[in-house]
């Protein structure tokens, strides 16, 4: 973790977060370059919520062990996102495989979706205080509501990002929270995936949820592609889900 770091631009902000993982022996410097290249290729889709960027790349030989770094900037920097700039918090993830960090991502997404928790993270004066906030994420899952009137057929929704291992998991977790509240978890399954795989799996899905940048990359896949600006906002995802099912 590094608090009140100074970065001239988004590339330097990612480089600081990547450098922390290199120092910890989790990655090589090549992985930092891969995280930067992912944004250069796909746009600022990693800015998952107002002020929050989630830097990552695909699992690769540059990842020695699964790890995460946390950088709070002294001054915010622009990533080029239409609604969520500027960024103050950069969280970077390195994973040895696509399943190595699913639980951690779910916890982090719930944490960043809680306004009280994000305020505490922004105000934490030391790394120790920050760890205390992160370690306190033991929130219960939302209670399920009344089951829908529709039949028991299982629908699929894809959440999509550039690599299928980072921001798509944030969105998947938020969508699953909404489905729990609706009581629809038994009827709709959610799969996090990358842009290439999403094009092949689109025909299996009711809809695809993603960022504006990734939606442009996907193009016409024969199924509705729904844009979500804040991947941690259950209110926004609730509205998108209502639009998808016209309820």
C-alpha atoms as a PDB file:
ATOM      1  CA  UNK A   1       0.000   0.000   0.000  1.00  0.00           C
ATOM      2  CA  UNK A   2       1.052   3.573  -0.621  1.00  0.00           C
ATOM      3  CA  UNK A   3      -0.853   6.603   0.564  1.00  0.00           C
ATOM      4  CA  UNK A   4      -0.660  10.137  -0.853  1.00  0.00           C
ATOM      5  CA  UNK A   5       1.471   9.113  -3.804  1.00  0.00           C
ATOM      6  CA  UNK A   6       2.046  11.663  -6.545  1.00  0.00           C
ATOM      7  CA  UNK A   7       1.561  10.799 -10.206  1.00  0.00           C
ATOM      8  CA  UNK A   8       1.749  13.073 -13.228  1.00  0.00           C
ATOM      9  CA  UNK A   9      -0.778  11.046 -15.246  1.00  0.00           C
ATOM     10  CA  UNK A  10      -2.669   7.741 -15.353  1.00  0.00           C
ATOM     11  CA  UNK A  11       0.295   5.802 -16.697  1.00  0.00           C
ATOM     12  CA  UNK A  12       2.462   6.855 -13.769  1.00  0.00           C
ATOM     13  CA  UNK A  13      -0.374   6.041 -11.348  1.00  0.00           C
ATOM     14  CA  UNK A  14      -0.569   2.485 -12.713  1.00  0.00           C
ATOM     15  CA  UNK A  15       3.234   2.276 -12.689  1.00  0.00           C
ATOM     16  CA  UNK A  16       3.291   3.095  -8.969  1.00  0.00           C
ATOM     17  CA  UNK A  17       0.703   0.395  -8.240  1.00  0.00           C
ATOM     18  CA  UNK A  18       2.571  -2.091 -10.409  1.00  0.00           C
ATOM     19  CA  UNK A  19       5.883  -1.197  -8.809  1.00  0.00           C
ATOM     20  CA  UNK A  20       4.529  -2.130  -5.383  1.00  0.00           C
ATOM     21  CA  UNK A  21       3.749  -5.644  -6.632  1.00  0.00           C
ATOM     22  CA  UNK A  22       7.212  -5.895  -8.176  1.00  0.00           C
ATOM     23  CA  UNK A  23       8.766  -4.873  -4.837  1.00  0.00           C
ATOM     24  CA  UNK A  24       6.693  -7.557  -3.097  1.00  0.00           C
ATOM     25  CA  UNK A  25       7.893 -10.219  -5.533  1.00  0.00           C
ATOM     26  CA  UNK A  26       4.403 -10.824  -6.941  1.00  0.00           C
ATOM     27  CA  UNK A  27       5.123  -9.688 -10.495  1.00  0.00           C
ATOM     28  CA  UNK A  28       7.858  -8.559 -12.818  1.00  0.00           C
ATOM     29  CA  UNK A  29       8.000  -5.112 -14.392  1.00  0.00           C
ATOM     30  CA  UNK A  30       6.562  -6.621 -17.567  1.00  0.00           C
ATOM     31  CA  UNK A  31       3.204  -7.044 -15.840  1.00  0.00           C
ATOM     32  CA  UNK A  32       3.078  -3.304 -15.113  1.00  0.00           C
ATOM     33  CA  UNK A  33       3.633  -2.677 -18.813  1.00  0.00           C
ATOM     34  CA  UNK A  34       0.827  -5.133 -19.612  1.00  0.00           C
ATOM     35  CA  UNK A  35      -1.599  -3.260 -17.308  1.00  0.00           C
ATOM     36  CA  UNK A  36      -0.792   0.025 -19.040  1.00  0.00           C
ATOM     37  CA  UNK A  37      -1.086  -1.576 -22.483  1.00  0.00           C
ATOM     38  CA  UNK A  38      -4.542  -2.914 -21.586  1.00  0.00           C
ATOM     39  CA  UNK A  39      -5.838   0.632 -21.038  1.00  0.00           C
ATOM     40  CA  UNK A  40      -4.099   1.875 -24.179  1.00  0.00           C
ATOM     41  CA  UNK A  41      -5.828  -0.879 -26.160  1.00  0.00           C
ATOM     42  CA  UNK A  42      -9.290  -0.915 -24.542  1.00  0.00           C
ATOM     43  CA  UNK A  43      -9.678   2.583 -23.120  1.00  0.00           C
ATOM     44  CA  UNK A  44     -10.333   3.636 -19.495  1.00  0.00           C
ATOM     45  CA  UNK A  45     -12.800   0.808 -18.742  1.00  0.00           C
ATOM     46  CA  UNK A  46     -10.824   0.038 -15.579  1.00  0.00           C
ATOM     47  CA  UNK A  47     -12.273   3.169 -13.922  1.00  0.00           C
ATOM     48  CA  UNK A  48     -15.052   1.093 -12.336  1.00  0.00           C
ATOM     49  CA  UNK A  49     -16.569   3.762 -10.069  1.00  0.00           C
ATOM     50  CA  UNK A  50     -16.177   7.500  -9.442  1.00  0.00           C
ATOM     51  CA  UNK A  51     -12.567   8.085  -8.433  1.00  0.00           C
ATOM     52  CA  UNK A  52     -11.594   4.384  -8.504  1.00  0.00           C
ATOM     53  CA  UNK A  53      -9.430   2.585 -11.090  1.00  0.00           C
ATOM     54  CA  UNK A  54      -8.878  -1.159 -11.007  1.00  0.00           C
ATOM     55  CA  UNK A  55      -5.685  -1.910 -12.944  1.00  0.00           C
ATOM     56  CA  UNK A  56      -5.048  -5.458 -14.147  1.00  0.00           C
ATOM     57  CA  UNK A  57      -4.044  -7.577 -17.110  1.00  0.00           C
ATOM     58  CA  UNK A  58      -4.465 -11.189 -18.141  1.00  0.00           C
ATOM     59  CA  UNK A  59      -2.645 -13.913 -16.182  1.00  0.00           C
ATOM     60  CA  UNK A  60       0.800 -14.215 -17.752  1.00  0.00           C
ATOM     61  CA  UNK A  61       4.350 -15.429 -17.033  1.00  0.00           C
ATOM     62  CA  UNK A  62       4.981 -11.940 -15.595  1.00  0.00           C
ATOM     63  CA  UNK A  63       2.810 -12.907 -12.591  1.00  0.00           C
ATOM     64  CA  UNK A  64       4.798 -14.835 -10.003  1.00  0.00           C
ATOM     65  CA  UNK A  65       2.038 -15.024  -7.370  1.00  0.00           C
ATOM     66  CA  UNK A  66      -1.448 -13.628  -6.905  1.00  0.00           C
ATOM     67  CA  UNK A  67      -1.313 -10.218  -5.279  1.00  0.00           C
ATOM     68  CA  UNK A  68      -2.905  -6.812  -4.971  1.00  0.00           C
ATOM     69  CA  UNK A  69      -1.604  -3.296  -4.389  1.00  0.00           C
ATOM     70  CA  UNK A  70      -3.421  -0.201  -3.207  1.00  0.00           C
ATOM     71  CA  UNK A  71      -2.404   3.372  -4.109  1.00  0.00           C
ATOM     72  CA  UNK A  72      -4.169   6.498  -2.876  1.00  0.00           C
ATOM     73  CA  UNK A  73      -3.060   9.544  -4.836  1.00  0.00           C
ATOM     74  CA  UNK A  74      -2.298  12.903  -3.244  1.00  0.00           C
ATOM     75  CA  UNK A  75      -3.822  14.610  -6.289  1.00  0.00           C
ATOM     76  CA  UNK A  76      -6.349  12.942  -8.603  1.00  0.00           C
ATOM     77  CA  UNK A  77      -5.440  12.192 -12.211  1.00  0.00           C
ATOM     78  CA  UNK A  78      -7.603  11.816 -15.319  1.00  0.00           C
ATOM     79  CA  UNK A  79      -7.863   8.444 -17.052  1.00  0.00           C
ATOM     80  CA  UNK A  80     -10.168   9.741 -19.778  1.00  0.00           C
ATOM     81  CA  UNK A  81     -13.372   8.206 -18.428  1.00  0.00           C
ATOM     82  CA  UNK A  82     -16.507  10.149 -19.367  1.00  0.00           C
ATOM     83  CA  UNK A  83     -18.182   9.996 -15.954  1.00  0.00           C
ATOM     84  CA  UNK A  84     -15.858   8.515 -13.308  1.00  0.00           C
ATOM     85  CA  UNK A  85     -12.778  10.774 -13.650  1.00  0.00           C
ATOM     86  CA  UNK A  86     -10.686  11.976 -11.925  1.00  0.00           C
ATOM     87  CA  UNK A  87      -9.154   9.010 -10.103  1.00  0.00           C
ATOM     88  CA  UNK A  88      -7.825   9.124  -6.564  1.00  0.00           C
ATOM     89  CA  UNK A  89      -7.631   5.402  -5.783  1.00  0.00           C
ATOM     90  CA  UNK A  90      -5.769   2.863  -7.939  1.00  0.00           C
ATOM     91  CA  UNK A  91      -6.084  -0.788  -6.975  1.00  0.00           C
ATOM     92  CA  UNK A  92      -3.915  -3.181  -8.994  1.00  0.00           C
ATOM     93  CA  UNK A  93      -4.407  -6.933  -9.236  1.00  0.00           C
ATOM     94  CA  UNK A  94      -2.136  -9.708 -10.449  1.00  0.00           C
ATOM     95  CA  UNK A  95      -3.555 -13.233 -10.622  1.00  0.00           C
ATOM     96  CA  UNK A  96      -1.918 -16.524 -11.548  1.00  0.00           C
ATOM     97  CA  UNK A  97      -5.228 -17.747 -13.007  1.00  0.00           C
ATOM     98  CA  UNK A  98      -8.753 -16.468 -13.525  1.00  0.00           C
ATOM     99  CA  UNK A  99     -10.112 -18.169 -10.405  1.00  0.00           C
ATOM    100  CA  UNK A 100      -7.358 -17.270  -7.970  1.00  0.00           C
ATOM    101  CA  UNK A 101      -8.913 -14.016  -6.842  1.00  0.00           C
ATOM    102  CA  UNK A 102     -12.704 -14.330  -7.273  1.00  0.00           C
ATOM    103  CA  UNK A 103     -13.458 -14.223  -3.551  1.00  0.00           C
ATOM    104  CA  UNK A 104     -11.175 -11.233  -2.984  1.00  0.00           C
ATOM    105  CA  UNK A 105     -12.814  -9.359  -5.860  1.00  0.00           C
ATOM    106  CA  UNK A 106     -16.288  -9.994  -4.462  1.00  0.00           C
ATOM    107  CA  UNK A 107     -15.267  -8.609  -1.076  1.00  0.00           C
ATOM    108  CA  UNK A 108     -13.563  -5.597  -2.625  1.00  0.00           C
ATOM    109  CA  UNK A 109     -16.560  -4.829  -4.845  1.00  0.00           C
ATOM    110  CA  UNK A 110     -18.909  -4.925  -1.847  1.00  0.00           C
ATOM    111  CA  UNK A 111     -16.544  -2.681   0.071  1.00  0.00           C
ATOM    112  CA  UNK A 112     -16.277  -0.066  -2.678  1.00  0.00           C
ATOM    113  CA  UNK A 113     -20.049  -0.129  -3.084  1.00  0.00           C
ATOM    114  CA  UNK A 114     -20.526   0.968   0.535  1.00  0.00           C
ATOM    115  CA  UNK A 115     -20.376   4.799   0.857  1.00  0.00           C
ATOM    116  CA  UNK A 116     -19.356   4.634   4.528  1.00  0.00           C
ATOM    117  CA  UNK A 117     -16.509   2.242   3.745  1.00  0.00           C
ATOM    118  CA  UNK A 118     -15.228   4.297   0.815  1.00  0.00           C
ATOM    119  CA  UNK A 119     -15.240   7.406   3.008  1.00  0.00           C
ATOM    120  CA  UNK A 120     -13.218   5.523   5.630  1.00  0.00           C
ATOM    121  CA  UNK A 121     -10.766   4.345   2.980  1.00  0.00           C
ATOM    122  CA  UNK A 122     -10.312   7.900   1.721  1.00  0.00           C
ATOM    123  CA  UNK A 123      -9.699   9.199   5.245  1.00  0.00           C
ATOM    124  CA  UNK A 124      -7.410   6.428   6.545  1.00  0.00           C
ATOM    125  CA  UNK A 125      -4.235   8.212   7.737  1.00  0.00           C
ATOM    126  CA  UNK A 126      -1.886   5.193   7.669  1.00  0.00           C
ATOM    127  CA  UNK A 127      -1.557   1.842   5.868  1.00  0.00           C
ATOM    128  CA  UNK A 128      -2.445   0.146   9.163  1.00  0.00           C
ATOM    129  CA  UNK A 129      -5.701   2.101   9.379  1.00  0.00           C
ATOM    130  CA  UNK A 130      -6.419   1.243   5.761  1.00  0.00           C
ATOM    131  CA  UNK A 131      -5.879  -2.464   6.431  1.00  0.00           C
ATOM    132  CA  UNK A 132      -8.269  -2.240   9.365  1.00  0.00           C
ATOM    133  CA  UNK A 133     -11.002  -0.914   7.068  1.00  0.00           C
ATOM    134  CA  UNK A 134     -10.286  -3.558   4.432  1.00  0.00           C
ATOM    135  CA  UNK A 135     -10.276  -6.323   7.029  1.00  0.00           C
ATOM    136  CA  UNK A 136     -13.682  -5.314   8.349  1.00  0.00           C
ATOM    137  CA  UNK A 137     -15.621  -6.309   5.233  1.00  0.00           C
ATOM    138  CA  UNK A 138     -17.852  -8.964   6.737  1.00  0.00           C
ATOM    139  CA  UNK A 139     -21.186  -7.694   5.473  1.00  0.00           C
ATOM    140  CA  UNK A 140     -24.011 -10.231   5.092  1.00  0.00           C
ATOM    141  CA  UNK A 141     -25.475 -10.870   1.680  1.00  0.00           C
ATOM    142  CA  UNK A 142     -28.764  -9.081   0.967  1.00  0.00           C
ATOM    143  CA  UNK A 143     -31.892 -11.050   1.820  1.00  0.00           C
ATOM    144  CA  UNK A 144     -33.695 -12.629  -1.116  1.00  0.00           C
ATOM    145  CA  UNK A 145     -37.046 -11.201  -2.050  1.00  0.00           C
ATOM    146  CA  UNK A 146     -40.162 -12.711  -3.583  1.00  0.00           C
ATOM    147  CA  UNK A 147     -39.399 -15.026  -6.559  1.00  0.00           C
ATOM    148  CA  UNK A 148     -40.445 -13.724  -9.980  1.00  0.00           C
ATOM    149  CA  UNK A 149     -43.634 -14.896 -11.580  1.00  0.00           C
ATOM    150  CA  UNK A 150     -41.738 -16.254 -14.571  1.00  0.00           C
ATOM    151  CA  UNK A 151     -41.034 -19.946 -14.945  1.00  0.00           C
ATOM    152  CA  UNK A 152     -37.925 -21.712 -13.648  1.00  0.00           C
ATOM    153  CA  UNK A 153     -35.875 -21.524 -16.875  1.00  0.00           C
ATOM    154  CA  UNK A 154     -32.313 -20.354 -16.214  1.00  0.00           C
ATOM    155  CA  UNK A 155     -31.167 -17.195 -17.994  1.00  0.00           C
ATOM    156  CA  UNK A 156     -27.553 -16.072 -18.433  1.00  0.00           C
ATOM    157  CA  UNK A 157     -26.126 -12.558 -18.305  1.00  0.00           C
ATOM    158  CA  UNK A 158     -22.503 -11.896 -19.281  1.00  0.00           C
ATOM    159  CA  UNK A 159     -20.423  -9.210 -17.596  1.00  0.00           C
ATOM    160  CA  UNK A 160     -17.562  -8.252 -19.885  1.00  0.00           C
ATOM    161  CA  UNK A 161     -14.177  -6.558 -19.569  1.00  0.00           C
ATOM    162  CA  UNK A 162     -10.988  -6.547 -21.576  1.00  0.00           C
ATOM    163  CA  UNK A 163      -9.374  -9.427 -19.722  1.00  0.00           C
ATOM    164  CA  UNK A 164     -12.235 -11.271 -18.013  1.00  0.00           C
ATOM    165  CA  UNK A 165     -10.452 -11.371 -14.645  1.00  0.00           C
ATOM    166  CA  UNK A 166     -10.935  -7.931 -13.130  1.00  0.00           C
ATOM    167  CA  UNK A 167     -13.621  -5.344 -13.760  1.00  0.00           C
ATOM    168  CA  UNK A 168     -16.043  -7.949 -15.104  1.00  0.00           C
ATOM    169  CA  UNK A 169     -15.878  -9.646 -11.684  1.00  0.00           C
ATOM    170  CA  UNK A 170     -16.700  -6.332  -9.993  1.00  0.00           C
ATOM    171  CA  UNK A 171     -19.778  -6.010 -12.172  1.00  0.00           C
ATOM    172  CA  UNK A 172     -20.694  -9.671 -11.716  1.00  0.00           C
ATOM    173  CA  UNK A 173     -20.674  -9.287  -7.939  1.00  0.00           C
ATOM    174  CA  UNK A 174     -22.843  -6.159  -8.042  1.00  0.00           C
ATOM    175  CA  UNK A 175     -25.316  -7.799 -10.401  1.00  0.00           C
ATOM    176  CA  UNK A 176     -25.514 -10.876  -8.167  1.00  0.00           C
ATOM    177  CA  UNK A 177     -26.295  -8.647  -5.186  1.00  0.00           C
ATOM    178  CA  UNK A 178     -29.228  -7.159  -7.113  1.00  0.00           C
ATOM    179  CA  UNK A 179     -30.428 -10.602  -8.206  1.00  0.00           C
ATOM    180  CA  UNK A 180     -30.309 -11.729  -4.567  1.00  0.00           C
ATOM    181  CA  UNK A 181     -32.450  -8.779  -3.520  1.00  0.00           C
ATOM    182  CA  UNK A 182     -34.943  -9.522  -6.265  1.00  0.00           C
ATOM    183  CA  UNK A 183     -35.005 -13.223  -5.388  1.00  0.00           C
ATOM    184  CA  UNK A 184     -33.939 -14.049  -8.946  1.00  0.00           C
ATOM    185  CA  UNK A 185     -30.638 -15.832  -8.221  1.00  0.00           C
ATOM    186  CA  UNK A 186     -32.224 -19.206  -8.971  1.00  0.00           C
ATOM    187  CA  UNK A 187     -33.347 -17.962 -12.387  1.00  0.00           C
ATOM    188  CA  UNK A 188     -30.406 -15.965 -13.696  1.00  0.00           C
ATOM    189  CA  UNK A 189     -26.757 -16.989 -13.772  1.00  0.00           C
ATOM    190  CA  UNK A 190     -23.982 -14.424 -14.233  1.00  0.00           C
ATOM    191  CA  UNK A 191     -20.687 -15.152 -15.994  1.00  0.00           C
ATOM    192  CA  UNK A 192     -17.692 -12.806 -16.074  1.00  0.00           C
ATOM    193  CA  UNK A 193     -15.769 -12.985 -19.317  1.00  0.00           C
ATOM    194  CA  UNK A 194     -13.472 -11.129 -21.723  1.00  0.00           C
ATOM    195  CA  UNK A 195     -14.316  -9.439 -25.015  1.00  0.00           C
ATOM    196  CA  UNK A 196     -13.161 -12.285 -27.263  1.00  0.00           C
ATOM    197  CA  UNK A 197     -15.010 -14.983 -25.327  1.00  0.00           C
ATOM    198  CA  UNK A 198     -18.099 -12.777 -24.978  1.00  0.00           C
ATOM    199  CA  UNK A 199     -18.537 -12.617 -28.740  1.00  0.00           C
ATOM    200  CA  UNK A 200     -18.618 -16.411 -28.884  1.00  0.00           C
ATOM    201  CA  UNK A 201     -20.930 -16.780 -25.872  1.00  0.00           C
ATOM    202  CA  UNK A 202     -23.324 -13.926 -26.655  1.00  0.00           C
ATOM    203  CA  UNK A 203     -25.924 -16.188 -28.227  1.00  0.00           C
ATOM    204  CA  UNK A 204     -26.296 -17.983 -24.859  1.00  0.00           C
ATOM    205  CA  UNK A 205     -27.065 -14.764 -22.983  1.00  0.00           C
ATOM    206  CA  UNK A 206     -30.097 -12.586 -22.390  1.00  0.00           C
ATOM    207  CA  UNK A 207     -27.844  -9.519 -22.287  1.00  0.00           C
ATOM    208  CA  UNK A 208     -24.249  -8.385 -21.857  1.00  0.00           C
ATOM    209  CA  UNK A 209     -23.329  -5.765 -19.231  1.00  0.00           C
ATOM    210  CA  UNK A 210     -20.119  -3.810 -19.620  1.00  0.00           C
ATOM    211  CA  UNK A 211     -18.466  -0.376 -19.801  1.00  0.00           C
ATOM    212  CA  UNK A 212     -18.985   2.093 -22.649  1.00  0.00           C
ATOM    213  CA  UNK A 213     -15.449   1.460 -23.919  1.00  0.00           C
ATOM    214  CA  UNK A 214     -15.845  -2.313 -24.033  1.00  0.00           C
ATOM    215  CA  UNK A 215     -19.320  -1.980 -25.578  1.00  0.00           C
ATOM    216  CA  UNK A 216     -17.683  -0.189 -28.518  1.00  0.00           C
ATOM    217  CA  UNK A 217     -15.162  -3.016 -28.833  1.00  0.00           C
ATOM    218  CA  UNK A 218     -17.887  -5.672 -28.781  1.00  0.00           C
ATOM    219  CA  UNK A 219     -20.020  -4.028 -31.448  1.00  0.00           C
ATOM    220  CA  UNK A 220     -23.134  -5.922 -32.569  1.00  0.00           C
ATOM    221  CA  UNK A 221     -23.141  -9.373 -30.955  1.00  0.00           C
ATOM    222  CA  UNK A 222     -26.795 -10.186 -31.594  1.00  0.00           C
ATOM    223  CA  UNK A 223     -27.827  -9.595 -27.991  1.00  0.00           C
ATOM    224  CA  UNK A 224     -28.496  -6.367 -26.030  1.00  0.00           C
ATOM    225  CA  UNK A 225     -25.299  -4.775 -24.712  1.00  0.00           C
ATOM    226  CA  UNK A 226     -26.042  -2.662 -21.626  1.00  0.00           C
ATOM    227  CA  UNK A 227     -23.609   0.032 -20.461  1.00  0.00           C
ATOM    228  CA  UNK A 228     -22.924   0.461 -16.738  1.00  0.00           C
ATOM    229  CA  UNK A 229     -20.940   3.489 -15.595  1.00  0.00           C
ATOM    230  CA  UNK A 230     -20.405   2.617 -11.911  1.00  0.00           C
ATOM    231  CA  UNK A 231     -19.629  -1.072 -11.480  1.00  0.00           C
ATOM    232  CA  UNK A 232     -20.130  -0.867  -7.705  1.00  0.00           C
ATOM    233  CA  UNK A 233     -23.556   0.833  -7.821  1.00  0.00           C
ATOM    234  CA  UNK A 234     -26.413  -1.566  -7.056  1.00  0.00           C
ATOM    235  CA  UNK A 235     -28.869   1.246  -7.888  1.00  0.00           C
ATOM    236  CA  UNK A 236     -27.499   1.653 -11.419  1.00  0.00           C
ATOM    237  CA  UNK A 237     -27.304  -2.101 -12.012  1.00  0.00           C
ATOM    238  CA  UNK A 238     -30.856  -2.476 -10.664  1.00  0.00           C
ATOM    239  CA  UNK A 239     -32.044   0.048 -13.271  1.00  0.00           C
ATOM    240  CA  UNK A 240     -30.163  -1.774 -16.053  1.00  0.00           C
ATOM    241  CA  UNK A 241     -31.666  -5.096 -14.988  1.00  0.00           C
ATOM    242  CA  UNK A 242     -35.170  -3.590 -14.961  1.00  0.00           C
ATOM    243  CA  UNK A 243     -34.596  -2.260 -18.457  1.00  0.00           C
ATOM    244  CA  UNK A 244     -33.309  -5.654 -19.609  1.00  0.00           C
ATOM    245  CA  UNK A 245     -36.411  -7.488 -18.364  1.00  0.00           C
ATOM    246  CA  UNK A 246     -38.828  -4.568 -18.837  1.00  0.00           C
ATOM    247  CA  UNK A 247     -40.010  -4.620 -15.200  1.00  0.00           C
END
